[in-house]
Protein backbone atom coordinates (compact mmCIF):
# COMPACT_ATOMS: atom_id res chain seq x y z
CA MET A 1 -125.43 12.22 8.14
CA SER A 2 -121.67 12.77 7.61
CA SER A 3 -121.85 16.43 8.77
CA LEU A 4 -123.80 15.16 11.99
CA GLN A 5 -120.86 13.12 12.66
CA ASP A 6 -118.21 15.58 12.26
CA GLU A 7 -120.25 17.77 14.33
CA THR A 8 -120.02 15.30 17.13
CA GLU A 9 -116.36 14.54 16.89
CA ARG A 10 -115.54 18.11 17.30
CA LEU A 11 -117.42 18.25 20.76
CA THR A 12 -114.53 17.04 22.86
CA ALA A 13 -112.05 19.59 21.41
CA CYS A 14 -114.48 22.45 21.25
CA ALA A 15 -113.99 25.48 23.19
CA ASP A 16 -117.76 26.14 23.55
CA PRO A 17 -119.21 22.78 24.00
CA GLU A 18 -122.78 24.59 24.59
CA GLY A 19 -122.61 26.06 21.49
CA ALA A 20 -121.47 22.85 19.70
CA LEU A 21 -124.45 20.77 21.69
CA GLY A 22 -126.87 23.44 20.80
CA ARG A 23 -126.10 23.22 17.12
CA LEU A 24 -126.39 19.63 17.24
CA ALA A 25 -129.76 19.74 19.27
CA ARG A 26 -131.27 21.97 16.47
CA VAL A 27 -130.29 19.30 13.75
CA LEU A 28 -131.75 16.44 15.98
CA THR A 29 -135.16 18.30 16.48
CA GLY A 30 -135.46 20.33 13.32
CA ASP A 31 -135.90 23.62 15.64
CA SER A 32 -134.14 26.61 15.44
CA ARG A 33 -134.88 27.97 18.61
CA VAL A 34 -133.23 25.28 20.64
CA SER A 35 -130.55 25.78 22.98
CA VAL A 36 -128.26 23.82 25.22
CA THR A 37 -126.79 24.74 28.63
CA PHE A 38 -125.40 22.81 31.60
CA GLY A 39 -127.24 22.73 34.89
CA ALA A 40 -127.75 20.72 38.07
CA GLY A 41 -129.97 17.41 38.60
CA GLU A 42 -131.15 15.01 35.49
CA PRO A 43 -131.43 16.26 31.86
CA ARG A 44 -134.47 18.20 31.50
CA VAL A 45 -136.21 20.47 28.62
CA GLU A 46 -137.12 24.09 30.02
CA GLY A 47 -139.11 25.48 26.92
CA GLU A 48 -136.62 25.64 24.18
CA ARG A 49 -133.81 25.28 26.34
CA PHE A 50 -131.95 21.85 26.90
CA VAL A 51 -130.65 21.55 30.26
CA LEU A 52 -127.77 18.64 30.56
CA PRO A 53 -126.10 17.37 33.57
CA ALA A 54 -123.24 19.66 34.69
CA ARG A 55 -121.80 16.36 36.44
CA LEU A 56 -121.25 14.77 32.95
CA ALA A 57 -118.73 17.44 31.83
CA SER A 58 -117.06 18.05 35.45
CA GLU A 59 -116.94 14.03 36.12
CA GLY A 60 -115.04 13.99 32.62
CA ALA A 61 -117.80 11.33 31.28
CA ASN A 62 -117.25 10.05 27.90
CA GLU A 63 -118.52 11.58 24.78
CA ALA A 64 -121.04 9.09 23.98
CA THR A 65 -122.76 9.34 27.33
CA LEU A 66 -123.26 13.08 26.91
CA LEU A 67 -124.86 12.60 23.39
CA GLY A 68 -127.01 10.19 24.77
CA ALA A 69 -128.56 12.61 27.37
CA LEU A 70 -128.78 15.13 24.45
CA ASP A 71 -130.46 12.67 22.23
CA LEU A 72 -133.18 11.99 25.10
CA LEU A 73 -134.16 15.55 25.43
CA ALA A 74 -134.27 16.03 21.61
CA ALA A 75 -136.78 12.94 21.38
CA ARG A 76 -138.90 14.49 24.11
CA HIS A 77 -138.92 17.74 22.56
CA ARG A 78 -139.70 16.54 19.19
CA TYR A 79 -142.09 13.53 19.66
CA SER A 80 -143.74 13.83 23.32
CA GLU A 81 -146.87 15.44 23.58
CA ALA A 82 -146.85 16.18 27.48
CA ALA A 83 -144.39 18.72 28.50
CA ARG A 84 -145.40 17.84 32.15
CA LEU A 85 -143.85 14.84 32.10
CA ASP A 86 -140.43 16.02 31.76
CA THR A 87 -140.43 17.09 35.72
CA PRO A 88 -140.78 15.13 38.72
CA GLN A 89 -143.90 16.98 39.75
CA ALA A 90 -146.05 14.10 39.16
CA GLY A 91 -144.60 11.59 41.72
CA VAL A 92 -143.74 7.93 41.22
CA THR A 93 -146.83 7.81 38.55
CA GLY A 94 -144.95 10.47 36.49
CA ARG A 95 -141.60 9.02 36.60
CA ILE A 96 -143.09 5.65 35.55
CA ALA A 97 -144.82 7.55 32.62
CA GLN A 98 -141.82 9.48 31.70
CA ALA A 99 -139.81 6.10 31.21
CA ILE A 100 -142.62 4.73 29.20
CA GLU A 101 -142.59 7.77 27.01
CA ASP A 102 -138.70 7.79 26.94
CA ARG A 103 -138.76 4.39 25.59
CA ARG A 104 -141.31 5.33 22.74
CA VAL A 105 -139.84 8.77 21.48
CA LEU A 106 -136.39 7.25 21.53
CA ALA A 107 -137.20 4.42 19.23
CA GLN A 108 -138.89 7.16 16.92
CA LEU A 109 -135.58 9.17 17.16
CA GLY A 110 -133.46 5.99 16.18
CA ARG A 111 -135.58 5.31 12.97
CA VAL A 112 -134.46 8.84 11.92
CA PHE A 113 -130.90 8.84 13.44
CA PRO A 114 -129.97 5.30 14.11
CA GLY A 115 -126.58 6.44 15.66
CA ALA A 116 -128.85 7.52 18.42
CA GLN A 117 -129.26 4.12 19.90
CA ARG A 118 -125.52 3.74 20.90
CA TYR A 119 -125.49 6.99 22.51
CA VAL A 120 -128.73 6.27 24.45
CA GLN A 121 -127.33 2.87 25.44
CA SER A 122 -124.18 4.67 26.67
CA TRP A 123 -126.38 7.23 29.14
CA ARG A 124 -128.43 4.52 30.20
CA THR A 125 -125.38 2.30 31.36
CA GLN A 126 -123.89 5.58 33.05
CA ARG A 127 -127.33 6.01 34.88
CA GLY A 128 -127.53 2.40 36.31
CA GLU A 129 -123.95 2.87 37.47
CA ALA A 130 -124.70 5.89 39.28
CA LEU A 131 -127.87 4.50 40.79
CA ALA A 132 -125.91 1.07 41.87
CA ARG A 133 -123.53 3.29 43.89
CA ARG A 134 -126.68 5.21 45.69
CA TRP A 135 -128.60 1.98 46.22
CA SER A 136 -128.42 1.83 49.77
CA LYS A 137 -129.38 5.42 50.37
CA LEU A 138 -132.37 4.99 48.01
CA ALA A 139 -135.98 5.10 49.43
CA TRP A 140 -137.57 1.63 48.75
CA ARG A 141 -140.35 2.78 46.18
CA GLU A 142 -137.42 4.65 44.54
CA ARG A 143 -135.87 1.11 43.85
CA LEU A 144 -138.98 -0.30 42.87
CA ALA A 145 -139.48 2.35 40.50
CA TRP A 146 -135.94 1.76 39.13
CA ALA A 147 -136.75 -1.86 38.91
CA ILE A 148 -140.06 -1.08 36.80
CA GLU A 149 -138.01 1.06 34.22
CA ARG A 150 -135.28 -1.48 33.90
CA ALA A 151 -138.07 -4.07 32.94
CA LEU A 152 -139.62 -1.80 30.29
CA TRP A 153 -136.51 -1.26 28.72
CA ASP A 154 -135.65 -5.12 28.79
CA GLU A 155 -132.59 -4.50 30.68
CA ALA A 156 -130.92 -7.36 32.95
CA PRO A 157 -131.51 -6.27 36.52
CA GLY A 158 -128.35 -5.60 38.58
CA ALA A 159 -127.04 -7.66 41.33
CA LEU A 160 -128.69 -5.63 43.95
CA GLU A 161 -132.10 -5.95 42.07
CA ARG A 162 -131.94 -9.48 41.72
CA ASP A 163 -131.15 -10.08 45.59
CA ALA A 164 -134.42 -8.25 46.52
CA ALA A 165 -137.17 -10.92 46.30
CA ALA A 166 -140.04 -8.59 46.81
CA LEU A 167 -138.80 -6.61 43.66
CA VAL A 168 -139.21 -9.76 41.63
CA ALA A 169 -142.65 -10.41 43.05
CA ALA A 170 -143.62 -6.80 41.85
CA LEU A 171 -142.48 -7.14 38.51
CA ARG A 172 -144.44 -10.42 37.96
CA ALA A 173 -147.59 -9.08 39.35
CA ILE A 174 -147.54 -6.44 36.80
CA ASP A 175 -146.25 -8.22 33.73
CA GLY A 176 -149.64 -7.53 31.75
CA PRO A 177 -149.30 -3.61 32.25
CA LEU A 178 -145.60 -3.80 31.50
CA GLY A 179 -146.47 -5.34 28.11
CA ALA A 180 -149.12 -2.73 27.15
CA ALA A 181 -146.43 -0.02 28.55
CA ARG A 182 -143.59 -1.64 25.94
CA ALA A 183 -146.36 -1.01 23.08
CA SER A 184 -147.39 2.49 23.95
CA GLN A 185 -147.84 4.75 20.64
CA SER A 186 -148.77 7.95 22.16
CA THR A 187 -148.33 10.28 25.47
CA ARG A 188 -151.78 9.27 26.47
CA ALA A 189 -151.20 5.77 26.06
CA SER A 190 -148.00 6.06 28.44
CA LEU A 191 -150.21 7.82 30.87
CA ASN A 192 -152.74 5.05 30.92
CA ALA A 193 -149.92 2.42 31.28
CA ALA A 194 -148.37 3.91 34.08
CA VAL A 195 -151.44 4.60 36.10
CA ALA A 196 -151.99 0.86 35.52
CA ILE A 197 -148.88 -0.25 36.57
CA VAL A 198 -149.14 1.50 39.89
CA ALA A 199 -152.62 0.26 40.56
CA GLY A 200 -150.97 -3.12 39.94
CA VAL A 201 -148.40 -2.83 42.48
CA ARG A 202 -150.59 -1.33 45.21
CA SER A 203 -153.21 -4.30 44.44
CA LEU A 204 -150.13 -6.80 45.16
CA ALA A 205 -149.18 -4.97 48.26
CA SER A 206 -152.82 -5.07 49.51
CA ARG A 207 -152.56 -8.91 49.49
CA GLY A 208 -150.00 -8.75 52.31
CA PRO A 209 -146.70 -10.16 53.27
CA ASN A 210 -147.91 -14.00 53.25
CA ASN A 211 -149.05 -13.81 49.49
CA MET A 212 -145.69 -12.30 48.84
CA MET A 213 -144.07 -15.23 50.30
CA GLN A 214 -145.81 -17.67 48.21
CA THR A 215 -145.42 -15.81 44.81
CA ALA A 216 -141.71 -15.05 45.37
CA GLY A 217 -140.37 -18.29 46.04
CA PRO A 218 -138.11 -18.96 49.01
CA SER A 219 -135.13 -16.77 49.66
CA GLU A 220 -133.02 -15.65 52.70
CA GLY A 221 -134.93 -12.44 54.26
CA LEU A 222 -138.04 -12.71 52.39
CA ASP A 223 -140.14 -11.82 55.15
CA ASP A 224 -138.22 -8.35 55.64
CA GLU A 225 -138.49 -7.82 51.72
CA ALA A 226 -142.56 -8.61 51.70
CA ALA A 227 -142.93 -6.29 54.97
CA ARG A 228 -141.01 -3.48 53.22
CA LEU A 229 -143.20 -3.73 50.01
CA ALA A 230 -146.60 -3.56 52.03
CA GLN A 231 -145.10 -0.62 54.00
CA ALA A 232 -143.58 1.23 50.90
CA MET A 233 -146.79 0.46 48.93
CA ASP A 234 -148.83 2.14 51.53
CA VAL A 235 -147.73 5.58 49.94
CA PHE A 236 -146.32 4.30 46.44
CA GLY A 237 -148.05 6.14 43.47
CA GLU A 238 -149.82 8.57 45.88
CA GLU A 239 -147.35 11.14 45.98
CA GLY A 240 -148.49 13.44 43.22
CA GLU A 241 -150.42 11.20 41.08
CA ILE A 242 -151.28 12.24 37.77
CA GLU A 243 -154.44 11.83 35.66
CA PRO A 244 -154.15 11.13 31.89
CA PRO A 245 -154.95 13.97 29.45
CA GLY A 246 -158.85 14.60 29.36
CA GLY A 247 -159.49 13.70 32.90
CA ALA A 248 -159.85 10.36 34.78
CA LEU A 249 -158.98 7.14 33.14
CA GLN A 250 -161.92 5.45 31.77
CA PRO A 251 -162.91 1.64 32.30
CA ASP A 252 -162.05 1.05 28.84
CA ASP A 253 -158.85 2.89 28.70
CA ALA A 254 -157.80 1.16 32.13
CA ARG A 255 -158.39 -2.39 30.12
CA GLU A 256 -156.33 -1.34 27.19
CA GLY A 257 -153.58 0.24 29.25
CA ALA A 258 -153.37 -2.55 32.06
CA GLY A 259 -153.75 -5.56 29.47
CA GLY A 260 -156.79 -6.83 31.23
CA ALA A 261 -155.94 -5.39 34.78
CA SER A 262 -158.91 -4.48 36.76
CA THR A 263 -160.43 -0.84 36.19
CA ARG A 264 -159.59 2.05 38.48
CA ALA A 265 -162.34 1.71 40.86
CA SER A 266 -161.21 -1.58 41.79
CA ALA A 267 -157.80 -0.43 42.08
CA GLU A 268 -158.53 1.97 44.50
CA SER A 269 -160.60 -0.32 46.34
CA ASP A 270 -157.27 -2.59 46.43
CA SER A 271 -155.41 0.21 47.53
CA ALA A 272 -157.57 1.09 50.54
CA ALA A 273 -157.52 -2.80 51.60
CA GLY A 274 -153.54 -2.46 51.23
CA ALA A 275 -153.49 0.78 53.47
CA SER A 276 -155.66 -0.70 56.03
CA LEU A 277 -153.63 -3.96 56.06
CA SER A 278 -150.55 -2.17 56.39
CA GLU A 279 -151.84 -0.12 59.27
CA ALA A 280 -152.89 -3.31 61.14
CA ASP A 281 -150.46 -5.93 60.19
CA ALA A 282 -147.35 -4.60 58.41
CA PRO A 283 -144.34 -4.50 60.69
CA HIS A 284 -142.81 -1.10 61.41
CA ALA A 285 -139.31 -0.93 60.83
CA ALA A 286 -138.40 0.32 64.23
CA ALA A 287 -140.45 -1.84 66.24
CA THR A 288 -139.16 -4.03 68.86
CA ASN A 289 -140.88 -7.11 67.75
CA ARG A 290 -143.22 -7.92 64.75
CA SER A 291 -146.39 -7.67 66.87
CA PRO A 292 -148.83 -5.26 65.31
CA ALA A 293 -149.30 -1.98 67.66
CA PRO A 294 -152.99 -1.82 69.15
CA MET A 295 -153.52 1.89 67.36
CA ARG A 296 -151.46 4.10 65.10
CA PRO A 297 -150.16 7.31 66.72
CA ARG A 298 -151.68 10.21 65.39
CA LEU A 299 -148.67 12.42 66.16
CA SER A 300 -144.89 11.42 65.12
CA ILE A 301 -142.96 11.59 68.43
CA PRO A 302 -139.53 11.53 68.82
CA LEU A 303 -137.63 9.03 70.98
CA THR A 304 -135.46 12.10 72.13
CA THR A 305 -134.94 15.63 71.45
CA ALA A 306 -131.86 15.94 73.15
CA TYR A 307 -129.57 15.82 69.91
CA ASP A 308 -132.02 18.26 67.71
CA ALA A 309 -129.84 21.39 67.03
CA VAL A 310 -130.74 24.84 65.56
CA THR A 311 -127.96 26.84 63.80
CA ASP A 312 -128.36 30.30 63.44
CA LEU A 313 -126.75 31.67 60.10
CA THR A 314 -128.06 35.23 60.26
CA GLY A 315 -125.52 37.37 58.62
CA ARG A 316 -123.08 34.68 58.43
CA GLY A 317 -123.31 34.01 54.66
CA ASP A 318 -120.88 35.07 52.10
CA ALA A 319 -121.29 38.75 51.31
CA ALA A 320 -120.46 38.34 47.54
CA ALA A 321 -122.72 35.60 47.30
CA TRP A 322 -125.23 37.52 48.92
CA ARG A 323 -125.32 40.29 46.58
CA LYS A 324 -125.27 38.27 43.58
CA LEU A 325 -128.18 36.53 44.80
CA ARG A 326 -130.15 39.69 45.73
CA ALA A 327 -129.31 40.98 42.33
CA LEU A 328 -130.87 37.97 40.75
CA ALA A 329 -133.81 38.00 43.18
CA ARG A 330 -134.73 41.61 42.24
CA ALA A 331 -134.43 41.07 38.72
CA GLU A 332 -136.83 38.37 38.91
CA THR A 333 -139.57 39.88 41.05
CA GLY A 334 -138.75 43.82 40.87
CA ALA A 335 -141.71 44.53 39.05
CA LEU A 336 -143.95 42.56 41.44
CA LYS A 337 -142.61 44.31 44.31
CA ALA A 338 -143.22 47.56 42.97
CA GLN A 339 -146.77 46.64 42.33
CA LEU A 340 -147.11 45.41 45.90
CA GLU A 341 -145.84 48.66 47.04
CA ARG A 342 -148.36 50.52 45.13
CA ALA A 343 -151.39 48.03 46.46
CA LEU A 344 -150.17 48.42 49.87
CA LYS A 345 -150.07 52.35 49.68
CA ALA A 346 -153.58 52.45 48.03
CA ASP A 347 -154.74 49.96 50.60
CA GLU A 348 -153.26 51.91 53.63
CA LEU A 349 -155.55 54.20 55.90
CA THR A 350 -153.87 57.29 57.09
CA HIS A 351 -155.02 59.48 59.88
CA TRP A 352 -153.87 62.80 61.05
CA LYS A 353 -153.08 64.20 64.25
CA ARG A 354 -153.57 67.70 64.19
CA GLU A 355 -152.64 70.64 66.24
CA GLN A 356 -148.92 69.63 66.39
CA GLU A 357 -145.69 71.93 67.08
CA ARG A 358 -143.81 70.09 64.28
CA GLY A 359 -144.74 68.25 61.38
CA GLU A 360 -146.44 68.97 58.22
CA ILE A 361 -148.45 72.23 57.27
CA ASP A 362 -152.40 71.89 58.24
CA ARG A 363 -153.97 73.68 55.42
CA ALA A 364 -157.03 74.03 57.75
CA ALA A 365 -155.02 75.80 60.37
CA LEU A 366 -153.52 78.55 57.89
CA ALA A 367 -156.55 80.91 58.87
CA ARG A 368 -156.01 80.73 62.83
CA LEU A 369 -152.32 81.24 61.94
CA ALA A 370 -153.01 84.36 60.22
CA ALA A 371 -155.48 85.63 62.85
CA SER A 372 -153.95 84.74 65.88
CA ARG A 373 -150.14 85.70 66.65
CA GLY A 374 -149.83 83.24 69.41
CA TYR A 375 -150.73 80.22 67.74
CA ARG A 376 -148.08 77.81 67.63
CA THR A 377 -149.63 74.31 66.65
CA PRO A 378 -150.42 74.88 62.97
CA PHE A 379 -148.87 71.36 62.11
CA ARG A 380 -150.15 67.87 61.59
CA VAL A 381 -148.59 64.38 61.73
CA ALA A 382 -149.51 61.43 59.68
CA ARG A 383 -150.47 58.14 61.53
CA HIS A 384 -150.84 55.03 59.36
CA ALA A 385 -153.26 52.30 59.86
CA SER A 386 -151.72 49.29 60.83
CA GLY A 387 -151.89 47.58 57.58
CA ARG A 388 -148.21 46.88 57.65
CA ASP A 389 -148.28 45.37 61.48
CA THR A 390 -147.84 41.73 59.75
CA VAL A 391 -145.02 39.45 60.33
CA VAL A 392 -144.09 36.78 58.20
CA THR A 393 -142.13 33.39 58.22
CA LEU A 394 -140.75 31.47 55.33
CA LEU A 395 -140.01 28.07 56.23
CA LEU A 396 -138.11 25.68 53.62
CA ASP A 397 -138.14 22.04 53.25
CA LEU A 398 -134.30 21.29 52.71
CA SER A 399 -134.92 17.60 52.29
CA GLY A 400 -132.28 15.55 49.51
CA SER A 401 -134.94 15.72 47.15
CA MET A 402 -134.71 19.50 46.70
CA ALA A 403 -131.03 18.97 45.51
CA GLY A 404 -129.95 20.76 42.24
CA ARG A 405 -132.39 23.21 40.32
CA LYS A 406 -135.22 23.07 43.15
CA ILE A 407 -132.90 24.50 46.21
CA GLU A 408 -131.35 26.77 43.67
CA LEU A 409 -134.57 28.58 42.98
CA ALA A 410 -135.87 28.10 46.46
CA ARG A 411 -132.89 29.87 47.31
CA LEU A 412 -133.58 32.43 44.92
CA CYS A 413 -137.41 32.52 46.03
CA ALA A 414 -136.55 32.95 49.68
CA ALA A 415 -133.88 36.00 48.77
CA ALA A 416 -136.80 37.62 46.62
CA LEU A 417 -139.42 37.40 49.49
CA ALA A 418 -137.08 38.29 52.25
CA ASP A 419 -135.72 41.29 50.50
CA ALA A 420 -138.93 42.65 49.24
CA LEU A 421 -140.50 42.27 52.97
CA THR A 422 -137.69 44.12 54.39
CA GLN A 423 -137.86 46.97 52.05
CA LEU A 424 -141.40 47.20 52.63
CA ALA A 425 -140.98 47.34 56.34
CA PHE A 426 -142.36 43.89 57.19
CA ASP A 427 -141.00 41.82 60.02
CA SER A 428 -139.77 38.63 58.34
CA GLU A 429 -137.57 35.37 59.37
CA VAL A 430 -136.42 32.70 57.27
CA LEU A 431 -136.03 29.17 58.40
CA GLY A 432 -135.14 25.72 56.86
CA TYR A 433 -135.31 22.14 58.37
CA SER A 434 -134.23 18.66 57.50
CA SER A 435 -133.18 15.65 59.68
CA ILE A 436 -130.45 13.33 59.75
CA GLU A 437 -129.25 10.26 61.41
CA THR A 438 -126.80 10.65 64.03
CA PRO A 439 -124.43 8.15 65.82
CA GLU A 440 -125.41 9.05 69.39
CA MET A 441 -129.19 8.97 68.73
CA ARG A 442 -128.66 5.42 67.07
CA ALA A 443 -126.75 4.27 70.33
CA LEU A 444 -129.77 5.42 72.44
CA TYR A 445 -132.21 3.66 70.06
CA GLU A 446 -130.19 0.21 70.38
CA ARG A 447 -129.91 0.43 74.03
CA GLU A 448 -133.58 0.98 74.23
CA ARG A 449 -134.33 -1.98 72.08
CA ALA A 450 -132.03 -4.18 73.36
CA SER A 451 -133.24 -3.37 77.04
CA GLY A 452 -136.83 -4.34 75.87
CA ALA A 453 -138.67 -1.23 76.12
CA ASP A 454 -141.98 -0.72 74.11
CA LEU A 455 -141.10 1.84 71.51
CA ARG A 456 -144.35 1.52 69.24
CA ALA A 457 -145.33 5.10 70.66
CA TYR A 458 -142.39 6.78 68.70
CA ASN A 459 -141.81 7.51 65.43
CA ARG A 460 -138.34 9.16 65.05
CA PHE A 461 -135.82 6.94 66.45
CA VAL A 462 -132.28 7.58 64.87
CA GLU A 463 -132.69 10.90 63.34
CA ARG A 464 -132.04 14.44 64.80
CA LEU A 465 -133.60 17.49 63.57
CA TYR A 466 -131.51 19.87 61.94
CA LEU A 467 -133.21 23.42 61.95
CA ARG A 468 -131.68 26.53 60.53
CA VAL A 469 -132.29 30.23 60.79
CA PHE A 470 -130.85 31.88 57.74
CA LYS A 471 -132.57 35.43 59.04
CA ARG A 472 -134.12 36.30 62.40
CA PHE A 473 -136.83 38.83 62.75
CA ASP A 474 -134.58 41.29 64.57
CA SER A 475 -131.97 41.46 61.97
CA ARG A 476 -131.70 43.18 58.28
CA ASP A 477 -128.85 41.36 57.45
CA LEU A 478 -129.97 38.86 54.86
CA SER A 479 -126.59 37.37 53.79
CA GLY A 480 -127.19 34.31 55.49
CA LEU A 481 -129.62 33.34 52.83
CA ALA A 482 -126.85 32.45 50.53
CA ALA A 483 -126.07 29.58 52.89
CA ILE A 484 -129.23 27.95 52.09
CA GLU A 485 -128.40 24.26 51.32
CA CYS A 486 -130.17 20.59 51.33
CA GLY A 487 -129.98 18.20 53.96
CA HIS A 488 -131.37 14.68 54.06
CA GLU A 489 -135.04 14.05 55.29
CA ASN A 490 -138.01 16.17 55.82
CA PRO A 491 -140.21 15.58 59.35
CA ASP A 492 -142.57 18.40 58.18
CA GLY A 493 -144.85 18.32 61.33
CA GLU A 494 -142.04 18.67 63.90
CA ALA A 495 -140.29 21.68 61.93
CA LEU A 496 -143.93 23.29 61.48
CA VAL A 497 -144.37 23.65 65.31
CA TRP A 498 -140.93 25.21 65.90
CA ALA A 499 -141.51 27.73 63.24
CA ALA A 500 -145.01 28.25 64.41
CA ALA A 501 -143.88 28.66 68.04
CA ARG A 502 -141.19 31.47 66.96
CA LEU A 503 -143.75 33.26 64.96
CA ALA A 504 -146.48 32.98 67.79
CA ARG A 505 -144.14 34.92 70.09
CA ARG A 506 -143.94 38.23 67.88
CA LYS A 507 -146.35 40.65 68.77
CA ALA A 508 -148.46 41.70 65.40
CA ARG A 509 -152.04 42.03 64.26
CA ARG A 510 -151.36 39.27 61.79
CA ARG A 511 -149.02 36.26 61.61
CA LEU A 512 -148.25 34.62 58.38
CA LEU A 513 -146.42 31.40 57.74
CA PHE A 514 -145.42 30.04 54.10
CA VAL A 515 -144.09 26.42 53.89
CA LEU A 516 -141.97 25.53 50.68
CA SER A 517 -142.12 21.89 50.04
CA ASP A 518 -141.72 19.45 47.12
CA GLY A 519 -143.65 16.36 48.39
CA TYR A 520 -144.62 14.64 51.61
CA PRO A 521 -143.18 14.44 55.19
CA SER A 522 -140.37 11.58 55.03
CA THR A 523 -137.82 10.07 57.48
CA SER A 524 -135.74 7.02 56.99
CA ASP A 525 -136.88 5.35 60.17
CA GLY A 526 -140.55 7.07 60.78
CA ASP A 527 -143.91 5.53 59.48
CA PRO A 528 -144.94 7.57 56.29
CA ALA A 529 -148.79 7.29 57.49
CA VAL A 530 -147.66 8.57 60.88
CA LEU A 531 -145.99 11.65 59.28
CA ARG A 532 -149.07 12.49 57.34
CA THR A 533 -151.46 12.37 60.18
CA ASP A 534 -148.90 14.01 62.58
CA LEU A 535 -148.72 17.01 59.73
CA LEU A 536 -152.27 17.49 59.46
CA ALA A 537 -152.81 17.53 62.90
CA ARG A 538 -149.97 20.08 63.35
CA VAL A 539 -151.40 22.24 60.70
CA GLN A 540 -154.92 22.35 62.32
CA ALA A 541 -153.41 23.39 65.78
CA VAL A 542 -151.17 26.16 64.23
CA LYS A 543 -154.29 27.61 62.59
CA GLU A 544 -156.22 27.46 65.97
CA GLU A 545 -153.29 29.74 67.22
CA GLY A 546 -154.58 32.55 64.70
CA ILE A 547 -151.61 31.89 62.33
CA GLU A 548 -152.27 32.29 58.39
CA LEU A 549 -150.58 29.09 57.01
CA VAL A 550 -150.03 28.78 53.34
CA GLY A 551 -148.27 25.89 51.57
CA ILE A 552 -146.34 26.29 48.43
CA GLY A 553 -145.68 23.13 46.59
CA ILE A 554 -142.41 22.86 44.46
CA LEU A 555 -143.39 20.46 41.19
CA ASP A 556 -145.66 18.71 43.59
CA ASP A 557 -149.12 19.20 44.71
CA ALA A 558 -148.64 17.40 48.23
CA VAL A 559 -149.11 20.56 49.91
CA GLU A 560 -152.75 20.54 48.87
CA ALA A 561 -153.47 17.54 51.15
CA PHE A 562 -152.44 19.17 54.18
CA TYR A 563 -152.75 23.07 53.85
CA PRO A 564 -155.91 24.60 53.25
CA ASP A 565 -154.33 27.47 51.38
CA ALA A 566 -152.03 25.90 49.03
CA VAL A 567 -150.66 26.90 45.72
CA VAL A 568 -148.34 24.79 43.21
CA ALA A 569 -145.42 26.04 41.00
CA ARG A 570 -146.18 23.77 38.11
CA LYS A 571 -142.66 24.80 36.47
CA LEU A 572 -139.59 25.23 38.37
CA HIS A 573 -138.66 28.71 36.82
CA GLU A 574 -142.17 30.14 38.07
CA LEU A 575 -141.34 29.52 41.71
CA PRO A 576 -140.15 32.83 42.59
CA ALA A 577 -142.85 34.41 40.85
CA THR A 578 -145.59 32.21 42.20
CA ALA A 579 -144.47 32.70 45.64
CA PHE A 580 -144.64 36.36 45.54
CA ALA A 581 -147.69 36.53 43.92
CA THR A 582 -149.10 34.50 46.72
CA LEU A 583 -147.34 36.93 49.42
CA SER A 584 -148.81 39.91 47.53
CA ARG A 585 -152.27 38.25 47.82
CA LEU A 586 -152.16 37.97 51.18
CA LEU A 587 -150.18 41.31 52.07
CA ALA A 588 -152.65 43.39 50.05
CA GLY A 589 -155.78 41.69 51.10
CA ARG A 590 -157.52 41.00 54.21
CA PRO A 591 -157.04 38.53 56.99
CA HIS A 592 -158.76 35.12 56.49
């Protein structure tokens, strides 16, 4: 133990912190293959590599916080049975399951290395402070997921959480499942408990705002909190829900995991009732009054498009950054590109136009050339079939949830695909989309609301679309791809229509549209249910135009709910290869 303490004391002064942390990680895990590096995002395990948040080093966080994050990864690597829990691909359910599992495995690590408890507490304190700073920007379900995580760890709620009456009511409603979660002894039990917790919260939402008023007790603004809970729970737990290992949760498992909670079937029934109630009775955040709309609109209609902006970044990226990105992309997918090129050549039909004055010698005409001195057309010209008469658009979700490692690999993926398509003589375009609140649109919305206008037909009130063109069809300059960065929200349906309209204007035998996304459509001021029906309707309309549409999910299978042809990259480092394999399948195959 003394050698371990000496190692930790040398970290601050060490010239190679990654090497020192790697040695410590190998001691903690007993695995000689483990290494440590710094990267964007939260702590995560990538095979035998531990990725610690770079901000802990750049922001000068104390050593105990850094060691706490390392202990967390070591515990996951050493004791957890499900590597999939270490990624955000499973949505809210997966996040809660990971919190349950973290509590379990860290307790095991603490029995072997008692000092780990102090370091982990420092890490959690730092994480709580960071979330408190971003509290006003968090989506409601993210606030609730954090409150559930705090309850699992028996931590006192922060001031902002204590003020949210609906959070208190939700935690009371799932007290039984939380108790079962704290008693988890395996990864499977953690998964079962997470499913039961989500079912309990969604069941609470199905009982409506009036029930919330009775259970939560009197509090200022309680009506708003209850309404927000009902609206948020309309989608809580649906985004990338996971099933426990071995298939669906059985009734016995549900009773065991929920501490007497209802079975999955009743939970789904409650969820359906909650969704129905939310559609009919839950007040919309942007409605002019609290009376329910007679019918939910199918499309997400903006209050105005006057403030939407399209920025063309073609050829405007940093040239050095692009060269570095291209080198990484070619190293990642170079072999796949060679395979695709061979497949395209093998599948390509070649016709010959004979009796030409220039071109390649036609062997069949050699006899005539020898017999006739005046013969002047012994050549032939190759005429390729239109196998490459295909245009491709890559549309990137640039929402805030893509920050960190996701956007890095999405950028790499776009570079790999666009570079290969350009080399293979396919016409292509790379686009991105997000939305952001703008003061001018907010002012318009306030004026309309003050005038008593009926705004129930709209579903985008204060956010403008921020659309970006990183590489146009008519340009071979790909440097703009180095400028791919995150935005804020993601109204997928409207962006899809914009990209499809640009693609439809290109004359080609086939048109392919790839959409890279890491979740469901979302805006800060829109109804999630309307955003989903909107995307479904837009996808159908694009297909009817003859465009072949493919959804590529980034650690999230939400694309499967909207795109008939969808593929999910379950691990971040597999994203470029997964996207390239999908592209190859379509280009080398036949149209649907």
